[in-house]
Protein backbone atom coordinates (compact mmCIF):
# COMPACT_ATOMS: atom_id res chain seq x y z
CA MET A 1 -2.75 -6.09 -10.40
CA ASP A 2 -0.02 -3.40 -9.73
CA GLN A 3 -0.71 -0.23 -8.35
CA PHE A 4 1.52 3.22 -8.54
CA TYR A 5 2.35 5.13 -5.57
CA GLN A 6 4.72 7.89 -4.51
CA CYS A 7 7.57 7.00 -3.09
CA PRO A 8 6.90 9.55 1.01
CA TYR A 9 11.20 9.68 0.25
CA CYS A 10 12.24 9.92 -3.54
CA GLY A 11 8.66 11.31 -4.62
CA GLU A 12 9.84 8.22 -7.51
CA GLN A 13 6.41 6.50 -8.63
CA ASP A 14 6.74 2.74 -7.18
CA ALA A 15 3.95 -0.59 -7.89
CA LEU A 16 2.22 -2.57 -5.07
CA ASP A 17 0.54 -5.53 -6.15
CA LEU A 18 -2.25 -5.17 -3.19
CA GLU A 19 -4.27 -8.25 -3.99
CA SER A 20 -1.11 -10.39 -2.54
CA ASP A 21 -0.52 -8.04 0.40
CA VAL A 22 -4.47 -7.78 1.77
CA ASP A 23 -7.04 -9.85 2.87
CA MET A 24 -9.82 -8.64 0.46
CA ASP A 25 -12.40 -10.50 2.70
CA SER A 26 -11.52 -8.64 6.05
CA PRO A 27 -13.13 -5.75 6.67
CA GLY A 28 -10.90 -2.73 8.63
CA ASP A 29 -7.61 -0.83 8.17
CA GLN A 30 -4.67 -3.72 7.37
CA VAL A 31 -1.13 -2.09 8.02
CA PHE A 32 2.05 -3.35 6.57
CA VAL A 33 5.57 -2.27 5.65
CA ARG A 34 7.78 -1.96 1.81
CA ASP A 35 10.44 -1.01 0.63
CA CYS A 36 10.96 1.41 -2.34
CA SER A 37 12.33 -0.60 -4.33
CA VAL A 38 14.51 3.33 -6.44
CA CYS A 39 15.17 4.12 -2.63
CA CYS A 40 15.22 1.63 -0.36
CA GLN A 41 12.88 3.48 2.68
CA PRO A 42 10.75 1.93 4.46
CA TRP A 43 7.05 3.09 3.10
CA THR A 44 4.00 2.23 6.21
CA VAL A 45 0.90 0.84 4.04
CA THR A 46 -2.43 1.41 5.58
CA VAL A 47 -5.19 -0.36 3.18
CA HIS A 48 -8.56 0.28 4.81
CA VAL A 49 -11.43 -2.16 3.20
CA ALA A 50 -14.56 -1.53 3.48
CA PRO A 51 -17.64 -4.21 3.65
CA ASP A 52 -18.44 -3.78 0.00
CA GLY A 53 -14.45 -4.16 -0.91
CA THR A 54 -13.25 -1.16 -2.12
CA THR A 55 -10.14 -0.03 -0.82
CA SER A 56 -8.47 3.08 0.18
CA VAL A 57 -4.63 3.80 0.69
CA ASN A 58 -2.30 6.08 2.81
CA VAL A 59 1.09 5.12 2.00
CA GLY A 60 3.61 6.91 5.02
CA ARG A 61 6.66 7.48 6.33
């Protein structure tokens, strides 16, 4: 399922499919890089997976 985030460079909304990028069975922080589909700048995406499976996402430069 896609979730939308604001690009930290151009401000446009872009989608991330966290289910394909994140191991939901591994609690802790997972970090990966994705390029904005609008401006092509790289995002650093940090996903924190809690022991109960809930997630929080931070998108930065």
